Amino acid sequence: YVYPFELAAVLLLVAIVAAIALTLRRRKDSKYQD
């Protein structure tokens, strides 16, 4: 089951990235470094 396992891992990674992208809000008063 190596291919279904890798597919599930990719789906979980995409879900994590999508959750971070949906909840990310840029604040104008926050200081950050480039």
PDB file of all heavy atoms in Angstrom:
ATOM      1  N   TYR A   1       0.826  -1.207   0.000  1.00  0.00           N
ATOM      2  CA  TYR A   1       0.000   0.000   0.000  1.00  0.00           C
ATOM      3  C   TYR A   1       0.863   1.262   0.000  1.00  0.00           C
ATOM      4  O   TYR A   1       0.489   2.279   0.596  1.00  0.00           O
ATOM      5  CB  TYR A   1      -0.913   0.003   1.233  1.00  0.00           C
ATOM      6  CG  TYR A   1      -1.837  -1.175   1.297  1.00  0.00           C
ATOM      7  CD1 TYR A   1      -1.508  -2.282   2.079  1.00  0.00           C
ATOM      8  CD2 TYR A   1      -3.023  -1.201   0.572  1.00  0.00           C
ATOM      9  CE1 TYR A   1      -2.356  -3.374   2.149  1.00  0.00           C
ATOM     10  CE2 TYR A   1      -3.873  -2.287   0.628  1.00  0.00           C
ATOM     11  CZ  TYR A   1      -3.534  -3.378   1.419  1.00  0.00           C
ATOM     12  OH  TYR A   1      -4.368  -4.470   1.475  1.00  0.00           O
ATOM     13  N   VAL A   2       2.008   1.219  -0.670  1.00  0.00           N
ATOM     14  CA  VAL A   2       2.892   2.372  -0.649  1.00  0.00           C
ATOM     15  C   VAL A   2       2.296   3.546  -1.425  1.00  0.00           C
ATOM     16  O   VAL A   2       2.388   4.699  -0.982  1.00  0.00           O
ATOM     17  CB  VAL A   2       4.288   1.984  -1.197  1.00  0.00           C
ATOM     18  CG1 VAL A   2       4.201   1.473  -2.622  1.00  0.00           C
ATOM     19  CG2 VAL A   2       5.245   3.153  -1.077  1.00  0.00           C
ATOM     20  N   TYR A   3       1.648   3.287  -2.564  1.00  0.00           N
ATOM     21  CA  TYR A   3       1.078   4.386  -3.348  1.00  0.00           C
ATOM     22  C   TYR A   3      -0.129   5.020  -2.664  1.00  0.00           C
ATOM     23  O   TYR A   3      -0.227   6.264  -2.607  1.00  0.00           O
ATOM     24  CB  TYR A   3       0.723   3.893  -4.755  1.00  0.00           C
ATOM     25  CG  TYR A   3       1.942   3.542  -5.578  1.00  0.00           C
ATOM     26  CD1 TYR A   3       2.161   2.230  -5.999  1.00  0.00           C
ATOM     27  CD2 TYR A   3       2.881   4.513  -5.922  1.00  0.00           C
ATOM     28  CE1 TYR A   3       3.280   1.901  -6.743  1.00  0.00           C
ATOM     29  CE2 TYR A   3       4.005   4.194  -6.663  1.00  0.00           C
ATOM     30  CZ  TYR A   3       4.204   2.882  -7.074  1.00  0.00           C
ATOM     31  OH  TYR A   3       5.305   2.562  -7.795  1.00  0.00           O
ATOM     32  N   PRO A   4      -1.080   4.255  -2.135  1.00  0.00           N
ATOM     33  CA  PRO A   4      -2.147   4.916  -1.352  1.00  0.00           C
ATOM     34  C   PRO A   4      -1.617   5.660  -0.132  1.00  0.00           C
ATOM     35  O   PRO A   4      -2.145   6.723   0.216  1.00  0.00           O
ATOM     36  CB  PRO A   4      -3.053   3.744  -0.943  1.00  0.00           C
ATOM     37  CG  PRO A   4      -2.810   2.704  -1.961  1.00  0.00           C
ATOM     38  CD  PRO A   4      -1.369   2.829  -2.319  1.00  0.00           C
ATOM     39  N   PHE A   5      -0.569   5.139   0.492  1.00  0.00           N
ATOM     40  CA  PHE A   5       0.019   5.823   1.653  1.00  0.00           C
ATOM     41  C   PHE A   5       0.634   7.151   1.252  1.00  0.00           C
ATOM     42  O   PHE A   5       0.427   8.177   1.930  1.00  0.00           O
ATOM     43  CB  PHE A   5       1.062   4.912   2.296  1.00  0.00           C
ATOM     44  CG  PHE A   5       1.736   5.513   3.491  1.00  0.00           C
ATOM     45  CD1 PHE A   5       1.065   5.641   4.691  1.00  0.00           C
ATOM     46  CD2 PHE A   5       3.044   5.966   3.404  1.00  0.00           C
ATOM     47  CE1 PHE A   5       1.675   6.201   5.803  1.00  0.00           C
ATOM     48  CE2 PHE A   5       3.670   6.532   4.503  1.00  0.00           C
ATOM     49  CZ  PHE A   5       2.985   6.644   5.706  1.00  0.00           C
ATOM     50  N   GLU A   6       1.368   7.168   0.148  1.00  0.00           N
ATOM     51  CA  GLU A   6       1.959   8.419  -0.320  1.00  0.00           C
ATOM     52  C   GLU A   6       0.879   9.396  -0.791  1.00  0.00           C
ATOM     53  O   GLU A   6       1.002  10.617  -0.576  1.00  0.00           O
ATOM     54  CB  GLU A   6       2.942   8.138  -1.455  1.00  0.00           C
ATOM     55  CG  GLU A   6       4.192   7.374  -1.004  1.00  0.00           C
ATOM     56  CD  GLU A   6       5.154   7.126  -2.139  1.00  0.00           C
ATOM     57  OE1 GLU A   6       4.767   7.406  -3.304  1.00  0.00           O
ATOM     58  OE2 GLU A   6       6.270   6.651  -1.873  1.00  0.00           O
ATOM     59  N   LEU A   7      -0.182   8.885  -1.415  1.00  0.00           N
ATOM     60  CA  LEU A   7      -1.271   9.760  -1.847  1.00  0.00           C
ATOM     61  C   LEU A   7      -1.967  10.394  -0.642  1.00  0.00           C
ATOM     62  O   LEU A   7      -2.287  11.593  -0.660  1.00  0.00           O
ATOM     63  CB  LEU A   7      -2.274   8.960  -2.682  1.00  0.00           C
ATOM     64  CG  LEU A   7      -3.477   9.734  -3.237  1.00  0.00           C
ATOM     65  CD1 LEU A   7      -2.999  10.842  -4.161  1.00  0.00           C
ATOM     66  CD2 LEU A   7      -4.419   8.796  -3.975  1.00  0.00           C
ATOM     67  N   ALA A   8      -2.178   9.606   0.413  1.00  0.00           N
ATOM     68  CA  ALA A   8      -2.780  10.163   1.630  1.00  0.00           C
ATOM     69  C   ALA A   8      -1.868  11.210   2.260  1.00  0.00           C
ATOM     70  O   ALA A   8      -2.348  12.239   2.762  1.00  0.00           O
ATOM     71  CB  ALA A   8      -3.078   9.041   2.621  1.00  0.00           C
ATOM     72  N   ALA A   9      -0.558  10.974   2.230  1.00  0.00           N
ATOM     73  CA  ALA A   9       0.379  11.954   2.783  1.00  0.00           C
ATOM     74  C   ALA A   9       0.341  13.258   1.990  1.00  0.00           C
ATOM     75  O   ALA A   9       0.360  14.358   2.569  1.00  0.00           O
ATOM     76  CB  ALA A   9       1.794  11.380   2.786  1.00  0.00           C
ATOM     77  N   VAL A  10       0.257  13.161   0.667  1.00  0.00           N
ATOM     78  CA  VAL A  10       0.177  14.370  -0.163  1.00  0.00           C
ATOM     79  C   VAL A  10      -1.122  15.124   0.104  1.00  0.00           C
ATOM     80  O   VAL A  10      -1.140  16.362   0.199  1.00  0.00           O
ATOM     81  CB  VAL A  10       0.310  14.005  -1.650  1.00  0.00           C
ATOM     82  CG1 VAL A  10       0.030  15.213  -2.540  1.00  0.00           C
ATOM     83  CG2 VAL A  10       1.705  13.468  -1.932  1.00  0.00           C
ATOM     84  N   LEU A  11      -2.230  14.399   0.248  1.00  0.00           N
ATOM     85  CA  LEU A  11      -3.511  15.050   0.536  1.00  0.00           C
ATOM     86  C   LEU A  11      -3.478  15.757   1.887  1.00  0.00           C
ATOM     87  O   LEU A  11      -4.001  16.878   2.029  1.00  0.00           O
ATOM     88  CB  LEU A  11      -4.634  14.011   0.506  1.00  0.00           C
ATOM     89  CG  LEU A  11      -4.992  13.447  -0.872  1.00  0.00           C
ATOM     90  CD1 LEU A  11      -6.072  12.377  -0.745  1.00  0.00           C
ATOM     91  CD2 LEU A  11      -5.441  14.551  -1.812  1.00  0.00           C
ATOM     92  N   LEU A  12      -2.880  15.133   2.879  1.00  0.00           N
ATOM     93  CA  LEU A  12      -2.767  15.781   4.180  1.00  0.00           C
ATOM     94  C   LEU A  12      -1.887  17.031   4.105  1.00  0.00           C
ATOM     95  O   LEU A  12      -2.190  18.053   4.738  1.00  0.00           O
ATOM     96  CB  LEU A  12      -2.203  14.795   5.205  1.00  0.00           C
ATOM     97  CG  LEU A  12      -3.142  13.670   5.638  1.00  0.00           C
ATOM     98  CD1 LEU A  12      -2.416  12.711   6.575  1.00  0.00           C
ATOM     99  CD2 LEU A  12      -4.376  14.234   6.320  1.00  0.00           C
ATOM    100  N   LEU A  13      -0.794  16.959   3.339  1.00  0.00           N
ATOM    101  CA  LEU A  13       0.062  18.125   3.183  1.00  0.00           C
ATOM    102  C   LEU A  13      -0.676  19.261   2.490  1.00  0.00           C
ATOM    103  O   LEU A  13      -0.580  20.435   2.901  1.00  0.00           O
ATOM    104  CB  LEU A  13       1.314  17.741   2.391  1.00  0.00           C
ATOM    105  CG  LEU A  13       2.314  18.865   2.111  1.00  0.00           C
ATOM    106  CD1 LEU A  13       2.836  19.446   3.422  1.00  0.00           C
ATOM    107  CD2 LEU A  13       3.469  18.356   1.253  1.00  0.00           C
ATOM    108  N   VAL A  14      -1.437  18.931   1.450  1.00  0.00           N
ATOM    109  CA  VAL A  14      -2.216  19.967   0.757  1.00  0.00           C
ATOM    110  C   VAL A  14      -3.263  20.564   1.699  1.00  0.00           C
ATOM    111  O   VAL A  14      -3.504  21.783   1.692  1.00  0.00           O
ATOM    112  CB  VAL A  14      -2.870  19.364  -0.502  1.00  0.00           C
ATOM    113  CG1 VAL A  14      -3.854  20.353  -1.120  1.00  0.00           C
ATOM    114  CG2 VAL A  14      -1.808  18.981  -1.518  1.00  0.00           C
ATOM    115  N   ALA A  15      -3.883  19.723   2.535  1.00  0.00           N
ATOM    116  CA  ALA A  15      -4.880  20.228   3.488  1.00  0.00           C
ATOM    117  C   ALA A  15      -4.241  21.168   4.510  1.00  0.00           C
ATOM    118  O   ALA A  15      -4.832  22.196   4.865  1.00  0.00           O
ATOM    119  CB  ALA A  15      -5.559  19.058   4.193  1.00  0.00           C
ATOM    120  N   ILE A  16      -3.047  20.843   4.974  1.00  0.00           N
ATOM    121  CA  ILE A  16      -2.360  21.712   5.933  1.00  0.00           C
ATOM    122  C   ILE A  16      -2.017  23.058   5.297  1.00  0.00           C
ATOM    123  O   ILE A  16      -2.246  24.131   5.887  1.00  0.00           O
ATOM    124  CB  ILE A  16      -1.097  21.021   6.460  1.00  0.00           C
ATOM    125  CG1 ILE A  16      -1.472  19.803   7.307  1.00  0.00           C
ATOM    126  CG2 ILE A  16      -0.249  21.977   7.283  1.00  0.00           C
ATOM    127  CD1 ILE A  16      -0.283  18.968   7.730  1.00  0.00           C
ATOM    128  N   VAL A  17      -1.479  23.016   4.075  1.00  0.00           N
ATOM    129  CA  VAL A  17      -1.128  24.264   3.383  1.00  0.00           C
ATOM    130  C   VAL A  17      -2.383  25.093   3.105  1.00  0.00           C
ATOM    131  O   VAL A  17      -2.389  26.324   3.254  1.00  0.00           O
ATOM    132  CB  VAL A  17      -0.363  23.946   2.094  1.00  0.00           C
ATOM    133  CG1 VAL A  17      -0.106  25.220   1.292  1.00  0.00           C
ATOM    134  CG2 VAL A  17       0.961  23.259   2.406  1.00  0.00           C
ATOM    135  N   ALA A  18      -3.475  24.432   2.704  1.00  0.00           N
ATOM    136  CA  ALA A  18      -4.716  25.162   2.433  1.00  0.00           C
ATOM    137  C   ALA A  18      -5.284  25.790   3.699  1.00  0.00           C
ATOM    138  O   ALA A  18      -5.770  26.928   3.666  1.00  0.00           O
ATOM    139  CB  ALA A  18      -5.740  24.210   1.815  1.00  0.00           C
ATOM    140  N   ALA A  19      -5.201  25.075   4.816  1.00  0.00           N
ATOM    141  CA  ALA A  19      -5.697  25.648   6.075  1.00  0.00           C
ATOM    142  C   ALA A  19      -4.879  26.864   6.485  1.00  0.00           C
ATOM    143  O   ALA A  19      -5.433  27.882   6.947  1.00  0.00           O
ATOM    144  CB  ALA A  19      -5.658  24.584   7.176  1.00  0.00           C
ATOM    145  N   ILE A  20      -3.558  26.794   6.309  1.00  0.00           N
ATOM    146  CA  ILE A  20      -2.718  27.946   6.636  1.00  0.00           C
ATOM    147  C   ILE A  20      -3.006  29.115   5.706  1.00  0.00           C
ATOM    148  O   ILE A  20      -3.078  30.275   6.133  1.00  0.00           O
ATOM    149  CB  ILE A  20      -1.233  27.550   6.581  1.00  0.00           C
ATOM    150  CG1 ILE A  20      -0.920  26.489   7.651  1.00  0.00           C
ATOM    151  CG2 ILE A  20      -0.331  28.757   6.765  1.00  0.00           C
ATOM    152  CD1 ILE A  20       0.482  25.941   7.575  1.00  0.00           C
ATOM    153  N   ALA A  21      -3.196  28.828   4.423  1.00  0.00           N
ATOM    154  CA  ALA A  21      -3.467  29.906   3.465  1.00  0.00           C
ATOM    155  C   ALA A  21      -4.819  30.559   3.719  1.00  0.00           C
ATOM    156  O   ALA A  21      -4.975  31.772   3.533  1.00  0.00           O
ATOM    157  CB  ALA A  21      -3.407  29.358   2.046  1.00  0.00           C
ATOM    158  N   LEU A  22      -5.819  29.780   4.155  1.00  0.00           N
ATOM    159  CA  LEU A  22      -7.138  30.349   4.399  1.00  0.00           C
ATOM    160  C   LEU A  22      -7.175  31.194   5.661  1.00  0.00           C
ATOM    161  O   LEU A  22      -7.916  32.177   5.739  1.00  0.00           O
ATOM    162  CB  LEU A  22      -8.182  29.227   4.500  1.00  0.00           C
ATOM    163  CG  LEU A  22      -8.512  28.489   3.196  1.00  0.00           C
ATOM    164  CD1 LEU A  22      -9.456  27.339   3.472  1.00  0.00           C
ATOM    165  CD2 LEU A  22      -9.127  29.438   2.172  1.00  0.00           C
ATOM    166  N   THR A  23      -6.400  30.820   6.647  1.00  0.00           N
ATOM    167  CA  THR A  23      -6.411  31.561   7.915  1.00  0.00           C
ATOM    168  C   THR A  23      -5.362  32.656   7.985  1.00  0.00           C
ATOM    169  O   THR A  23      -5.340  33.405   8.965  1.00  0.00           O
ATOM    170  CB  THR A  23      -6.185  30.591   9.087  1.00  0.00           C
ATOM    171  OG1 THR A  23      -4.941  29.884   8.894  1.00  0.00           O
ATOM    172  CG2 THR A  23      -7.316  29.591   9.170  1.00  0.00           C
ATOM    173  N   LEU A  24      -4.497  32.763   6.980  1.00  0.00           N
ATOM    174  CA  LEU A  24      -3.447  33.776   7.004  1.00  0.00           C
ATOM    175  C   LEU A  24      -4.033  35.130   6.664  1.00  0.00           C
ATOM    176  O   LEU A  24      -4.663  35.311   5.617  1.00  0.00           O
ATOM    177  CB  LEU A  24      -2.336  33.416   6.012  1.00  0.00           C
ATOM    178  CG  LEU A  24      -1.137  34.369   5.973  1.00  0.00           C
ATOM    179  CD1 LEU A  24      -0.442  34.418   7.328  1.00  0.00           C
ATOM    180  CD2 LEU A  24      -0.157  33.944   4.884  1.00  0.00           C
ATOM    181  N   ARG A  25      -3.831  36.065   7.534  1.00  0.00           N
ATOM    182  CA  ARG A  25      -4.285  37.436   7.318  1.00  0.00           C
ATOM    183  C   ARG A  25      -3.122  38.390   7.583  1.00  0.00           C
ATOM    184  O   ARG A  25      -2.509  38.346   8.642  1.00  0.00           O
ATOM    185  CB  ARG A  25      -5.443  37.779   8.259  1.00  0.00           C
ATOM    186  CG  ARG A  25      -6.694  36.941   8.041  1.00  0.00           C
ATOM    187  CD  ARG A  25      -7.359  37.261   6.715  1.00  0.00           C
ATOM    188  NE  ARG A  25      -8.607  36.548   6.538  1.00  0.00           N
ATOM    189  CZ  ARG A  25      -8.709  35.341   6.031  1.00  0.00           C
ATOM    190  NH1 ARG A  25      -7.610  34.716   5.632  1.00  0.00           N
ATOM    191  NH2 ARG A  25      -9.881  34.757   5.902  1.00  0.00           N
ATOM    192  N   ARG A  26      -2.835  39.205   6.602  1.00  0.00           N
ATOM    193  CA  ARG A  26      -1.743  40.157   6.747  1.00  0.00           C
ATOM    194  C   ARG A  26      -2.242  41.395   7.485  1.00  0.00           C
ATOM    195  O   ARG A  26      -3.237  42.008   7.094  1.00  0.00           O
ATOM    196  CB  ARG A  26      -1.183  40.560   5.380  1.00  0.00           C
ATOM    197  CG  ARG A  26      -0.436  39.428   4.693  1.00  0.00           C
ATOM    198  CD  ARG A  26       0.286  39.929   3.472  1.00  0.00           C
ATOM    199  NE  ARG A  26       1.062  38.880   2.823  1.00  0.00           N
ATOM    200  CZ  ARG A  26       2.295  38.563   3.163  1.00  0.00           C
ATOM    201  NH1 ARG A  26       2.898  39.223   4.145  1.00  0.00           N
ATOM    202  NH2 ARG A  26       2.941  37.597   2.525  1.00  0.00           N
ATOM    203  N   ARG A  27      -1.546  41.755   8.529  1.00  0.00           N
ATOM    204  CA  ARG A  27      -1.876  42.938   9.301  1.00  0.00           C
ATOM    205  C   ARG A  27      -0.910  44.062   8.955  1.00  0.00           C
ATOM    206  O   ARG A  27       0.296  43.852   8.864  1.00  0.00           O
ATOM    207  CB  ARG A  27      -1.814  42.631  10.789  1.00  0.00           C
ATOM    208  CG  ARG A  27      -2.812  41.594  11.247  1.00  0.00           C
ATOM    209  CD  ARG A  27      -2.636  41.278  12.720  1.00  0.00           C
ATOM    210  NE  ARG A  27      -2.670  42.487  13.529  1.00  0.00           N
ATOM    211  CZ  ARG A  27      -2.475  42.492  14.840  1.00  0.00           C
ATOM    212  NH1 ARG A  27      -2.222  41.349  15.474  1.00  0.00           N
ATOM    213  NH2 ARG A  27      -2.526  43.623  15.524  1.00  0.00           N
ATOM    214  N   LYS A  28      -1.457  45.263   8.768  1.00  0.00           N
ATOM    215  CA  LYS A  28      -0.617  46.386   8.393  1.00  0.00           C
ATOM    216  C   LYS A  28       0.247  46.882   9.546  1.00  0.00           C
ATOM    217  O   LYS A  28       1.324  47.429   9.321  1.00  0.00           O
ATOM    218  CB  LYS A  28      -1.496  47.532   7.870  1.00  0.00           C
ATOM    219  CG  LYS A  28      -2.269  47.178   6.611  1.00  0.00           C
ATOM    220  CD  LYS A  28      -3.106  48.349   6.136  1.00  0.00           C
ATOM    221  CE  LYS A  28      -3.859  48.002   4.857  1.00  0.00           C
ATOM    222  NZ  LYS A  28      -4.697  49.132   4.367  1.00  0.00           N
ATOM    223  N   ASP A  29      -0.230  46.684  10.772  1.00  0.00           N
ATOM    224  CA  ASP A  29       0.527  47.191  11.909  1.00  0.00           C
ATOM    225  C   ASP A  29       1.521  46.177  12.461  1.00  0.00           C
ATOM    226  O   ASP A  29       2.203  46.463  13.443  1.00  0.00           O
ATOM    227  CB  ASP A  29      -0.438  47.594  13.025  1.00  0.00           C
ATOM    228  CG  ASP A  29      -1.349  46.437  13.429  1.00  0.00           C
ATOM    229  OD1 ASP A  29      -1.416  45.450  12.664  1.00  0.00           O
ATOM    230  OD2 ASP A  29      -1.981  46.537  14.495  1.00  0.00           O
ATOM    231  N   SER A  30       1.623  44.998  11.860  1.00  0.00           N
ATOM    232  CA  SER A  30       2.565  43.999  12.345  1.00  0.00           C
ATOM    233  C   SER A  30       3.927  44.187  11.683  1.00  0.00           C
ATOM    234  O   SER A  30       4.017  44.542  10.504  1.00  0.00           O
ATOM    235  CB  SER A  30       2.050  42.584  12.050  1.00  0.00           C
ATOM    236  OG  SER A  30       1.913  42.392  10.657  1.00  0.00           O
ATOM    237  N   LYS A  31       4.978  43.977  12.422  1.00  0.00           N
ATOM    238  CA  LYS A  31       6.333  44.112  11.919  1.00  0.00           C
ATOM    239  C   LYS A  31       6.888  42.745  11.559  1.00  0.00           C
ATOM    240  O   LYS A  31       6.759  41.787  12.328  1.00  0.00           O
ATOM    241  CB  LYS A  31       7.224  44.768  12.973  1.00  0.00           C
ATOM    242  CG  LYS A  31       6.799  46.191  13.337  1.00  0.00           C
ATOM    243  CD  LYS A  31       7.735  46.788  14.371  1.00  0.00           C
ATOM    244  CE  LYS A  31       7.320  48.210  14.724  1.00  0.00           C
ATOM    245  NZ  LYS A  31       8.246  48.802  15.733  1.00  0.00           N
ATOM    246  N   TYR A  32       7.459  42.653  10.403  1.00  0.00           N
ATOM    247  CA  TYR A  32       8.044  41.395   9.952  1.00  0.00           C
ATOM    248  C   TYR A  32       9.279  41.693   9.122  1.00  0.00           C
ATOM    249  O   TYR A  32       9.481  42.826   8.675  1.00  0.00           O
ATOM    250  CB  TYR A  32       7.034  40.588   9.129  1.00  0.00           C
ATOM    251  CG  TYR A  32       6.563  41.267   7.867  1.00  0.00           C
ATOM    252  CD1 TYR A  32       7.203  41.041   6.646  1.00  0.00           C
ATOM    253  CD2 TYR A  32       5.496  42.151   7.898  1.00  0.00           C
ATOM    254  CE1 TYR A  32       6.785  41.668   5.502  1.00  0.00           C
ATOM    255  CE2 TYR A  32       5.075  42.793   6.745  1.00  0.00           C
ATOM    256  CZ  TYR A  32       5.714  42.544   5.543  1.00  0.00           C
ATOM    257  OH  TYR A  32       5.305  43.179   4.396  1.00  0.00           O
ATOM    258  N   GLN A  33      10.089  40.691   8.923  1.00  0.00           N
ATOM    259  CA  GLN A  33      11.334  40.827   8.175  1.00  0.00           C
ATOM    260  C   GLN A  33      11.218  40.130   6.830  1.00  0.00           C
ATOM    261  O   GLN A  33      10.573  39.077   6.710  1.00  0.00           O
ATOM    262  CB  GLN A  33      12.504  40.228   8.971  1.00  0.00           C
ATOM    263  CG  GLN A  33      12.777  40.931  10.292  1.00  0.00           C
ATOM    264  CD  GLN A  33      13.910  40.298  11.043  1.00  0.00           C
ATOM    265  OE1 GLN A  33      14.405  39.241  10.661  1.00  0.00           O
ATOM    266  NE2 GLN A  33      14.330  40.936  12.119  1.00  0.00           N
ATOM    267  N   ASP A  34      11.858  40.725   5.844  1.00  0.00           N
ATOM    268  CA  ASP A  34      11.885  40.166   4.496  1.00  0.00           C
ATOM    269  C   ASP A  34      13.274  39.571   4.265  1.00  0.00           C
ATOM    270  O   ASP A  34      14.255  40.315   4.111  1.00  0.00           O
ATOM    271  CB  ASP A  34      11.584  41.247   3.459  1.00  0.00           C
ATOM    272  CG  ASP A  34      11.375  40.648   2.082  1.00  0.00           C
ATOM    273  OD1 ASP A  34      11.531  39.421   1.938  1.00  0.00           O
ATOM    274  OD2 ASP A  34      11.049  41.403   1.147  1.00  0.00           O
TER     275      ASP A  34
END
